[in-house]
Amino acid sequence: MIPEGALPRMRQGVSGTWRKQDFPDEALEAWRKRDFPKYFKVMEEACRQDPMNAELSMDFGWSYLVRYDYASAERCFENAVRVAPRRGDALVVAGTRCQFLR
């Protein structure tokens, strides 16, 4: 059962609001350029510096997922759910991100 109000809040992200400052510009640029080793290095450091940022962990998990690194994606999603203020919403977001990958 999806928690009441979870679907509308999914657009805001697991932390309540999507904040551009959560995502390092260097990582975004590396992803756009398909420089994945650099992207993952920058994001790993960002997550290490801000371990309580659920939105960052969720995005990092999705990045691993689309690169077929399922174990790392699971680790990031589990961390995002663990630190998210609304855990039920974080589970819905993680599940939704996973269902569209084929």
C-alpha atoms as a PDB file:
ATOM      1  CA  MET A   1       0.000   0.000   0.000  1.00  0.00           C
ATOM      2  CA  ILE A   2       1.356   3.402  -0.987  1.00  0.00           C
ATOM      3  CA  PRO A   3       1.362   5.898   1.896  1.00  0.00           C
ATOM      4  CA  GLU A   4      -1.331   8.545   1.576  1.00  0.00           C
ATOM      5  CA  GLY A   5      -0.049  11.588  -0.294  1.00  0.00           C
ATOM      6  CA  ALA A   6       3.174   9.881  -1.369  1.00  0.00           C
ATOM      7  CA  LEU A   7       2.628  10.093  -5.110  1.00  0.00           C
ATOM      8  CA  PRO A   8       2.196  13.888  -5.288  1.00  0.00           C
ATOM      9  CA  ARG A   9       5.232  14.338  -3.040  1.00  0.00           C
ATOM     10  CA  MET A  10       7.368  12.127  -5.300  1.00  0.00           C
ATOM     11  CA  ARG A  11       7.808  15.099  -7.586  1.00  0.00           C
ATOM     12  CA  GLN A  12       9.448  16.916  -4.692  1.00  0.00           C
ATOM     13  CA  GLY A  13      11.881  14.142  -3.930  1.00  0.00           C
ATOM     14  CA  VAL A  14      12.463  12.043  -0.867  1.00  0.00           C
ATOM     15  CA  SER A  15      13.685  14.922   1.254  1.00  0.00           C
ATOM     16  CA  GLY A  16      10.635  17.081   0.585  1.00  0.00           C
ATOM     17  CA  THR A  17      12.178  19.440  -1.934  1.00  0.00           C
ATOM     18  CA  TRP A  18      14.490  18.932  -4.838  1.00  0.00           C
ATOM     19  CA  ARG A  19      17.530  21.120  -4.307  1.00  0.00           C
ATOM     20  CA  LYS A  20      19.952  21.711  -7.144  1.00  0.00           C
ATOM     21  CA  GLN A  21      22.712  22.391  -4.633  1.00  0.00           C
ATOM     22  CA  ASP A  22      22.454  18.748  -3.551  1.00  0.00           C
ATOM     23  CA  PHE A  23      24.052  17.700  -6.819  1.00  0.00           C
ATOM     24  CA  PRO A  24      27.626  18.754  -7.533  1.00  0.00           C
ATOM     25  CA  ASP A  25      27.907  20.667 -10.795  1.00  0.00           C
ATOM     26  CA  GLU A  26      31.033  18.701 -11.599  1.00  0.00           C
ATOM     27  CA  ALA A  27      29.061  15.447 -11.382  1.00  0.00           C
ATOM     28  CA  LEU A  28      26.238  16.749 -13.572  1.00  0.00           C
ATOM     29  CA  GLU A  29      28.724  17.895 -16.186  1.00  0.00           C
ATOM     30  CA  ALA A  30      30.582  14.569 -16.103  1.00  0.00           C
ATOM     31  CA  TRP A  31      27.283  12.679 -16.604  1.00  0.00           C
ATOM     32  CA  ARG A  32      26.352  14.893 -19.568  1.00  0.00           C
ATOM     33  CA  LYS A  33      29.775  14.235 -21.107  1.00  0.00           C
ATOM     34  CA  ARG A  34      29.440  10.495 -20.372  1.00  0.00           C
ATOM     35  CA  ASP A  35      32.560  10.601 -18.238  1.00  0.00           C
ATOM     36  CA  PHE A  36      31.148   8.002 -15.871  1.00  0.00           C
ATOM     37  CA  PRO A  37      34.305   7.246 -13.866  1.00  0.00           C
ATOM     38  CA  LYS A  38      34.574  10.932 -12.976  1.00  0.00           C
ATOM     39  CA  TYR A  39      30.836  11.145 -12.226  1.00  0.00           C
ATOM     40  CA  PHE A  40      30.964   8.220  -9.801  1.00  0.00           C
ATOM     41  CA  LYS A  41      34.114   9.537  -8.121  1.00  0.00           C
ATOM     42  CA  VAL A  42      32.554  12.978  -7.560  1.00  0.00           C
ATOM     43  CA  MET A  43      29.242  11.546  -6.361  1.00  0.00           C
ATOM     44  CA  GLU A  44      30.940   9.086  -4.012  1.00  0.00           C
ATOM     45  CA  GLU A  45      32.785  11.982  -2.412  1.00  0.00           C
ATOM     46  CA  ALA A  46      29.602  14.094  -2.225  1.00  0.00           C
ATOM     47  CA  CYS A  47      27.775  11.239  -0.488  1.00  0.00           C
ATOM     48  CA  ARG A  48      30.680  10.777   1.908  1.00  0.00           C
ATOM     49  CA  GLN A  49      30.600  14.480   2.777  1.00  0.00           C
ATOM     50  CA  ASP A  50      26.795  14.567   3.202  1.00  0.00           C
ATOM     51  CA  PRO A  51      25.734  11.067   4.329  1.00  0.00           C
ATOM     52  CA  MET A  52      22.338  12.268   5.597  1.00  0.00           C
ATOM     53  CA  ASN A  53      21.258  13.628   2.209  1.00  0.00           C
ATOM     54  CA  ALA A  54      18.572  11.175   1.062  1.00  0.00           C
ATOM     55  CA  GLU A  55      18.015  12.909  -2.260  1.00  0.00           C
ATOM     56  CA  LEU A  56      21.679  12.662  -3.186  1.00  0.00           C
ATOM     57  CA  SER A  57      21.811   8.974  -2.233  1.00  0.00           C
ATOM     58  CA  MET A  58      18.636   8.268  -4.209  1.00  0.00           C
ATOM     59  CA  ASP A  59      20.030   9.933  -7.323  1.00  0.00           C
ATOM     60  CA  PHE A  60      23.343   8.136  -6.917  1.00  0.00           C
ATOM     61  CA  GLY A  61      21.482   4.843  -6.617  1.00  0.00           C
ATOM     62  CA  TRP A  62      19.594   5.524  -9.842  1.00  0.00           C
ATOM     63  CA  SER A  63      22.896   6.286 -11.563  1.00  0.00           C
ATOM     64  CA  TYR A  64      24.293   2.924 -10.506  1.00  0.00           C
ATOM     65  CA  LEU A  65      21.062   1.250 -11.566  1.00  0.00           C
ATOM     66  CA  VAL A  66      21.174   2.547 -15.136  1.00  0.00           C
ATOM     67  CA  ARG A  67      24.814   1.430 -15.332  1.00  0.00           C
ATOM     68  CA  TYR A  68      23.753  -2.097 -14.223  1.00  0.00           C
ATOM     69  CA  ASP A  69      25.643  -2.029 -10.930  1.00  0.00           C
ATOM     70  CA  TYR A  70      22.779  -3.453  -8.906  1.00  0.00           C
ATOM     71  CA  ALA A  71      24.665  -4.053  -5.664  1.00  0.00           C
ATOM     72  CA  SER A  72      25.829  -0.434  -5.496  1.00  0.00           C
ATOM     73  CA  ALA A  73      22.356   0.818  -6.450  1.00  0.00           C
ATOM     74  CA  GLU A  74      20.855  -1.236  -3.629  1.00  0.00           C
ATOM     75  CA  ARG A  75      23.371   0.190  -1.151  1.00  0.00           C
ATOM     76  CA  CYS A  76      22.497   3.761  -2.170  1.00  0.00           C
ATOM     77  CA  PHE A  77      18.730   3.166  -2.129  1.00  0.00           C
ATOM     78  CA  GLU A  78      18.949   1.543   1.306  1.00  0.00           C
ATOM     79  CA  ASN A  79      20.921   4.506   2.617  1.00  0.00           C
ATOM     80  CA  ALA A  80      18.400   6.963   1.136  1.00  0.00           C
ATOM     81  CA  VAL A  81      15.510   5.135   2.800  1.00  0.00           C
ATOM     82  CA  ARG A  82      17.386   4.923   6.103  1.00  0.00           C
ATOM     83  CA  VAL A  83      18.091   8.677   6.293  1.00  0.00           C
ATOM     84  CA  ALA A  84      14.934  10.024   4.608  1.00  0.00           C
ATOM     85  CA  PRO A  85      12.553  11.931   6.861  1.00  0.00           C
ATOM     86  CA  ARG A  86       9.616  10.144   5.184  1.00  0.00           C
ATOM     87  CA  ARG A  87      10.778   6.545   4.753  1.00  0.00           C
ATOM     88  CA  GLY A  88       7.577   5.344   3.135  1.00  0.00           C
ATOM     89  CA  ASP A  89       7.879   7.994   0.447  1.00  0.00           C
ATOM     90  CA  ALA A  90      11.529   7.085  -0.112  1.00  0.00           C
ATOM     91  CA  LEU A  91      10.556   3.445  -0.662  1.00  0.00           C
ATOM     92  CA  VAL A  92       7.955   4.518  -3.225  1.00  0.00           C
ATOM     93  CA  VAL A  93      10.495   6.698  -5.030  1.00  0.00           C
ATOM     94  CA  ALA A  94      13.098   3.916  -5.085  1.00  0.00           C
ATOM     95  CA  GLY A  95      10.559   1.414  -6.361  1.00  0.00           C
ATOM     96  CA  THR A  96       9.321   3.785  -9.039  1.00  0.00           C
ATOM     97  CA  ARG A  97      12.824   4.461 -10.274  1.00  0.00           C
ATOM     98  CA  CYS A  98      13.510   0.740 -10.462  1.00  0.00           C
ATOM     99  CA  GLN A  99      10.330  -0.193 -12.313  1.00  0.00           C
ATOM    100  CA  PHE A 100      11.141   1.892 -15.383  1.00  0.00           C
ATOM    101  CA  LEU A 101      14.485   0.208 -15.980  1.00  0.00           C
ATOM    102  CA  ARG A 102      14.309  -2.673 -18.419  1.00  0.00           C
END
